[in-house]
Each structure stands twice: as C-alpha cells, then as structure tokens.
N, C-alpha and C. Protein backbone atom coordinates (compact mmCIF):
# COMPACT_ATOMS: atom_id res chain seq x y z
N MET A 1 -13.37 23.53 -18.08
CA MET A 1 -12.65 23.06 -16.95
C MET A 1 -11.39 23.89 -16.82
N ALA A 2 -11.12 24.37 -15.63
CA ALA A 2 -9.93 25.21 -15.39
C ALA A 2 -9.19 24.70 -14.19
N PHE A 3 -7.85 24.57 -14.28
CA PHE A 3 -7.02 24.14 -13.17
C PHE A 3 -5.97 25.15 -12.94
N ILE A 4 -5.67 25.40 -11.65
CA ILE A 4 -4.51 26.16 -11.23
C ILE A 4 -3.70 25.29 -10.28
N THR A 5 -2.44 25.15 -10.54
CA THR A 5 -1.63 24.40 -9.58
C THR A 5 -0.78 25.39 -8.83
N VAL A 6 -0.80 25.30 -7.53
CA VAL A 6 -0.05 26.09 -6.60
C VAL A 6 0.95 25.11 -5.91
N SER A 7 2.25 25.35 -6.10
CA SER A 7 3.19 24.45 -5.51
C SER A 7 4.31 25.20 -4.86
N GLY A 8 4.99 24.55 -4.01
CA GLY A 8 6.15 25.18 -3.34
C GLY A 8 6.88 24.18 -2.55
N ASP A 9 8.06 24.58 -2.06
CA ASP A 9 8.87 23.74 -1.23
C ASP A 9 8.17 23.52 0.08
N PRO A 10 8.42 22.33 0.68
CA PRO A 10 7.78 22.04 1.93
C PRO A 10 8.09 23.18 2.97
N GLY A 11 7.09 23.64 3.64
CA GLY A 11 7.28 24.68 4.66
C GLY A 11 7.07 26.11 4.11
N CYS A 12 6.81 26.25 2.82
CA CYS A 12 6.64 27.62 2.30
C CYS A 12 5.18 28.09 2.28
N ARG A 13 4.29 27.39 2.80
CA ARG A 13 2.86 27.76 2.98
C ARG A 13 2.12 27.89 1.66
N HIS A 14 2.51 27.03 0.68
CA HIS A 14 1.81 27.03 -0.62
C HIS A 14 0.33 26.66 -0.49
N GLU A 15 0.04 25.75 0.49
CA GLU A 15 -1.34 25.33 0.70
C GLU A 15 -2.20 26.48 1.22
N GLU A 16 -1.60 27.32 2.04
CA GLU A 16 -2.39 28.49 2.47
C GLU A 16 -2.66 29.50 1.39
N LEU A 17 -1.68 29.71 0.47
CA LEU A 17 -1.90 30.52 -0.69
C LEU A 17 -3.00 29.94 -1.62
N ALA A 18 -2.94 28.63 -1.82
CA ALA A 18 -3.95 27.96 -2.60
C ALA A 18 -5.33 28.09 -2.00
N ARG A 19 -5.42 27.98 -0.67
CA ARG A 19 -6.73 28.08 0.00
C ARG A 19 -7.29 29.51 -0.20
N ILE A 20 -6.45 30.47 -0.04
CA ILE A 20 -6.91 31.88 -0.20
C ILE A 20 -7.35 32.17 -1.67
N ALA A 21 -6.58 31.63 -2.61
CA ALA A 21 -6.91 31.84 -4.02
C ALA A 21 -8.22 31.15 -4.33
N ALA A 22 -8.41 29.91 -3.89
CA ALA A 22 -9.61 29.16 -4.12
C ALA A 22 -10.85 29.87 -3.54
N GLN A 23 -10.71 30.41 -2.40
CA GLN A 23 -11.84 31.20 -1.83
C GLN A 23 -12.10 32.44 -2.62
N ARG A 24 -11.05 33.12 -2.99
CA ARG A 24 -11.23 34.42 -3.74
C ARG A 24 -11.83 34.18 -5.09
N PHE A 25 -11.37 33.16 -5.80
CA PHE A 25 -11.82 32.94 -7.24
C PHE A 25 -12.97 31.91 -7.31
N GLU A 26 -13.42 31.45 -6.20
CA GLU A 26 -14.55 30.49 -6.10
C GLU A 26 -14.17 29.14 -6.81
N PHE A 27 -12.94 28.66 -6.64
CA PHE A 27 -12.51 27.36 -7.11
C PHE A 27 -12.64 26.41 -6.00
N GLU A 28 -12.63 25.11 -6.35
CA GLU A 28 -12.53 24.12 -5.35
C GLU A 28 -11.09 23.79 -5.11
N LEU A 29 -10.77 23.63 -3.86
CA LEU A 29 -9.34 23.35 -3.48
C LEU A 29 -9.11 21.88 -3.30
N VAL A 30 -8.10 21.32 -3.95
CA VAL A 30 -7.71 19.90 -3.72
C VAL A 30 -6.24 19.88 -3.24
N THR A 31 -6.07 19.35 -2.04
CA THR A 31 -4.74 19.27 -1.41
C THR A 31 -4.23 17.84 -1.59
N GLU A 32 -3.01 17.64 -1.23
CA GLU A 32 -2.48 16.30 -1.37
C GLU A 32 -3.18 15.36 -0.47
N PRO A 33 -3.56 15.69 0.78
CA PRO A 33 -4.37 14.78 1.58
C PRO A 33 -5.73 14.47 0.93
N ASP A 34 -6.33 15.43 0.26
CA ASP A 34 -7.57 15.21 -0.45
C ASP A 34 -7.39 14.20 -1.54
N LEU A 35 -6.30 14.38 -2.27
CA LEU A 35 -5.99 13.47 -3.38
C LEU A 35 -5.73 12.06 -2.96
N ALA A 36 -5.06 11.89 -1.75
CA ALA A 36 -4.82 10.58 -1.14
C ALA A 36 -6.09 9.94 -0.82
N LYS A 37 -7.06 10.71 -0.29
CA LYS A 37 -8.38 10.14 0.06
C LYS A 37 -9.08 9.65 -1.22
N MET A 38 -9.02 10.43 -2.28
CA MET A 38 -9.62 10.05 -3.57
C MET A 38 -9.08 8.80 -4.11
N ILE A 39 -7.70 8.73 -4.02
CA ILE A 39 -7.02 7.44 -4.49
C ILE A 39 -7.40 6.27 -3.62
N ALA A 40 -7.51 6.44 -2.32
CA ALA A 40 -7.88 5.30 -1.38
C ALA A 40 -9.33 4.96 -1.68
N ALA A 41 -10.20 5.89 -2.00
CA ALA A 41 -11.56 5.53 -2.31
C ALA A 41 -11.67 4.78 -3.57
N GLU A 42 -10.81 5.08 -4.53
CA GLU A 42 -10.89 4.43 -5.81
C GLU A 42 -10.23 3.03 -5.80
N PHE A 43 -9.10 2.88 -5.06
CA PHE A 43 -8.32 1.65 -5.18
C PHE A 43 -8.23 0.90 -3.81
N GLY A 44 -8.65 1.51 -2.73
CA GLY A 44 -8.50 0.80 -1.43
C GLY A 44 -7.43 1.45 -0.62
N GLU A 45 -7.54 1.32 0.70
CA GLU A 45 -6.63 1.92 1.64
C GLU A 45 -5.24 1.37 1.57
N SER A 46 -5.12 0.14 1.27
CA SER A 46 -3.82 -0.52 1.42
C SER A 46 -2.93 -0.46 0.13
N ILE A 47 -3.42 0.05 -0.88
CA ILE A 47 -2.64 0.07 -2.18
C ILE A 47 -1.51 1.14 -2.12
N ARG A 48 -0.41 0.77 -2.63
CA ARG A 48 0.77 1.72 -2.79
C ARG A 48 0.86 1.99 -4.28
N ILE A 49 0.84 3.25 -4.62
CA ILE A 49 0.97 3.67 -5.98
C ILE A 49 2.36 3.83 -6.32
N PRO A 50 2.90 3.15 -7.41
CA PRO A 50 4.31 3.24 -7.82
C PRO A 50 4.51 4.76 -8.27
N ASP A 51 5.76 5.16 -8.08
CA ASP A 51 6.12 6.56 -8.47
C ASP A 51 5.81 6.91 -9.86
N LEU A 52 6.09 5.93 -10.76
CA LEU A 52 5.85 6.22 -12.21
C LEU A 52 4.35 6.29 -12.52
N ALA A 53 3.47 5.75 -11.66
CA ALA A 53 2.03 5.80 -11.94
C ALA A 53 1.42 6.99 -11.28
N TRP A 54 2.07 7.66 -10.33
CA TRP A 54 1.48 8.74 -9.59
C TRP A 54 0.92 9.90 -10.55
N ARG A 55 1.77 10.37 -11.43
CA ARG A 55 1.34 11.50 -12.22
C ARG A 55 0.14 11.13 -13.14
N PRO A 56 0.15 10.04 -13.87
CA PRO A 56 -0.99 9.73 -14.77
C PRO A 56 -2.23 9.51 -13.93
N LEU A 57 -2.13 8.91 -12.75
CA LEU A 57 -3.26 8.67 -11.86
C LEU A 57 -3.81 9.96 -11.40
N THR A 58 -2.93 10.85 -10.95
CA THR A 58 -3.36 12.17 -10.48
C THR A 58 -4.13 12.95 -11.60
N VAL A 59 -3.57 12.96 -12.76
CA VAL A 59 -4.23 13.64 -13.94
C VAL A 59 -5.56 13.04 -14.20
N SER A 60 -5.66 11.71 -14.16
CA SER A 60 -6.92 11.01 -14.39
C SER A 60 -7.96 11.44 -13.38
N ILE A 61 -7.60 11.39 -12.13
CA ILE A 61 -8.55 11.73 -11.03
C ILE A 61 -8.98 13.21 -11.14
N LEU A 62 -8.02 14.11 -11.37
CA LEU A 62 -8.31 15.55 -11.47
C LEU A 62 -9.20 15.79 -12.68
N ALA A 63 -8.94 15.10 -13.80
CA ALA A 63 -9.74 15.34 -15.05
C ALA A 63 -11.17 14.94 -14.77
N SER A 64 -11.37 13.81 -14.07
CA SER A 64 -12.71 13.35 -13.76
C SER A 64 -13.40 14.38 -12.79
N LEU A 65 -12.64 14.84 -11.80
CA LEU A 65 -13.19 15.83 -10.89
C LEU A 65 -13.52 17.18 -11.66
N GLY A 66 -12.66 17.49 -12.58
CA GLY A 66 -12.85 18.76 -13.41
C GLY A 66 -14.06 18.68 -14.25
N THR A 67 -14.55 17.52 -14.68
CA THR A 67 -15.76 17.44 -15.43
C THR A 67 -16.95 17.71 -14.60
N GLN A 68 -16.84 17.49 -13.27
CA GLN A 68 -17.89 17.71 -12.37
C GLN A 68 -17.90 19.12 -11.76
N ARG A 69 -16.77 19.61 -11.45
CA ARG A 69 -16.63 20.83 -10.68
C ARG A 69 -16.20 22.10 -11.45
N ARG A 70 -15.59 21.83 -12.58
CA ARG A 70 -15.18 22.86 -13.55
C ARG A 70 -13.96 23.74 -13.18
N ARG A 71 -13.86 24.16 -11.92
CA ARG A 71 -12.71 25.02 -11.59
C ARG A 71 -12.08 24.45 -10.31
N ILE A 72 -10.79 24.14 -10.48
CA ILE A 72 -10.03 23.49 -9.33
C ILE A 72 -8.67 24.11 -9.13
N ILE A 73 -8.31 24.27 -7.90
CA ILE A 73 -6.91 24.68 -7.51
C ILE A 73 -6.30 23.46 -6.85
N VAL A 74 -5.17 23.08 -7.28
CA VAL A 74 -4.43 21.96 -6.71
C VAL A 74 -3.24 22.47 -5.93
N ALA A 75 -3.16 22.16 -4.69
CA ALA A 75 -1.99 22.54 -3.84
C ALA A 75 -1.11 21.40 -3.70
N ARG A 76 0.15 21.50 -3.97
CA ARG A 76 1.07 20.34 -3.85
C ARG A 76 2.51 20.84 -3.48
N ALA A 77 3.18 19.98 -2.77
CA ALA A 77 4.60 20.28 -2.40
C ALA A 77 5.47 19.88 -3.54
N VAL A 78 6.53 20.56 -3.74
CA VAL A 78 7.51 20.19 -4.75
C VAL A 78 8.49 19.22 -4.11
N ARG A 79 8.72 18.16 -4.79
CA ARG A 79 9.70 17.14 -4.28
C ARG A 79 10.79 16.94 -5.27
N LYS A 80 11.88 16.60 -4.68
CA LYS A 80 13.10 16.39 -5.60
C LYS A 80 12.86 15.39 -6.66
N HIS A 81 12.10 14.30 -6.34
CA HIS A 81 11.91 13.27 -7.43
C HIS A 81 10.75 13.61 -8.35
N GLN A 82 10.11 14.83 -8.21
CA GLN A 82 9.07 15.23 -9.10
C GLN A 82 9.48 16.62 -9.61
N PRO A 83 10.49 16.83 -10.34
CA PRO A 83 10.94 18.14 -10.78
C PRO A 83 10.01 18.90 -11.63
N ARG A 84 9.26 18.19 -12.47
CA ARG A 84 8.30 18.94 -13.35
C ARG A 84 6.94 19.14 -12.70
N SER A 85 6.29 20.14 -13.07
CA SER A 85 5.01 20.47 -12.40
C SER A 85 3.91 19.59 -12.96
N LEU A 86 2.84 19.46 -12.16
CA LEU A 86 1.69 18.74 -12.54
C LEU A 86 1.02 19.40 -13.81
N ALA A 87 1.15 20.69 -13.80
CA ALA A 87 0.59 21.49 -14.94
C ALA A 87 1.20 21.05 -16.26
N GLU A 88 2.56 20.82 -16.21
CA GLU A 88 3.19 20.38 -17.47
C GLU A 88 2.67 18.97 -17.87
N ASP A 89 2.48 18.11 -16.93
CA ASP A 89 1.99 16.78 -17.25
C ASP A 89 0.55 16.89 -17.73
N TRP A 90 -0.25 17.74 -17.13
CA TRP A 90 -1.65 17.89 -17.56
C TRP A 90 -1.64 18.34 -19.01
N THR A 91 -0.89 19.35 -19.37
CA THR A 91 -0.87 19.89 -20.67
C THR A 91 -0.47 18.85 -21.70
N ARG A 92 0.58 18.10 -21.39
CA ARG A 92 1.04 17.03 -22.30
C ARG A 92 -0.01 15.97 -22.46
N SER A 93 -0.65 15.58 -21.41
CA SER A 93 -1.54 14.46 -21.46
C SER A 93 -2.90 14.77 -22.16
N THR A 94 -3.29 16.04 -22.14
CA THR A 94 -4.53 16.40 -22.77
C THR A 94 -4.32 16.92 -24.19
N SER A 95 -3.12 17.06 -24.63
CA SER A 95 -2.89 17.57 -26.02
C SER A 95 -2.86 16.51 -27.02
N HIS A 96 -2.88 15.18 -26.62
CA HIS A 96 -2.88 14.11 -27.51
C HIS A 96 -4.23 13.75 -28.05
C-alpha cells in the first residue's frame, strides 16, 4: 500500500498537480469531495463529523481503500485548523 499526499493552500492548484501525478504514476486519486462522498456513504448524508474525529476517520477510510487499490494519491487543501499533514497522522497511526 502506497500513499502520496499532495496539499497546498486554497487556490494553489494542488488538486491539479495531484491529478497529473496520479495519471503519470498510475495511482488512484482521492480528492476532498471524493472523501466526503465516502464518509456520507459510510455514515449517511446528514452526519457532521467533529473536527477531532476527522483525521482518524480519514486515515481509517484511506487505509481500507489502500487495501483494495494499493496506490493512492490524496489531494487536500491546507487549513489553518489542520496544521499537520495527513501523512504525519498516517505514519503515527500505523506505527503502533
């Protein structure tokens, strides 16, 4: 299972870079709207995910997807309330 996280400030075209990289390296691209659809499919359309639960939930969904698809690029915007990258969270959660 391999993951690459491409992130950037809103408006910096990080999703376009992720799309090009995914196509070039034959990875599956997961964008924030894709992730929102996966969460809605798992928990329902009306659920609101608390900020503290967002990272563990994302890691769990991507880990499940990674067991099926093996190589994934995740495109996400950097937000002020999420200063650490998803990659750091992924490394920490899988090292236990």
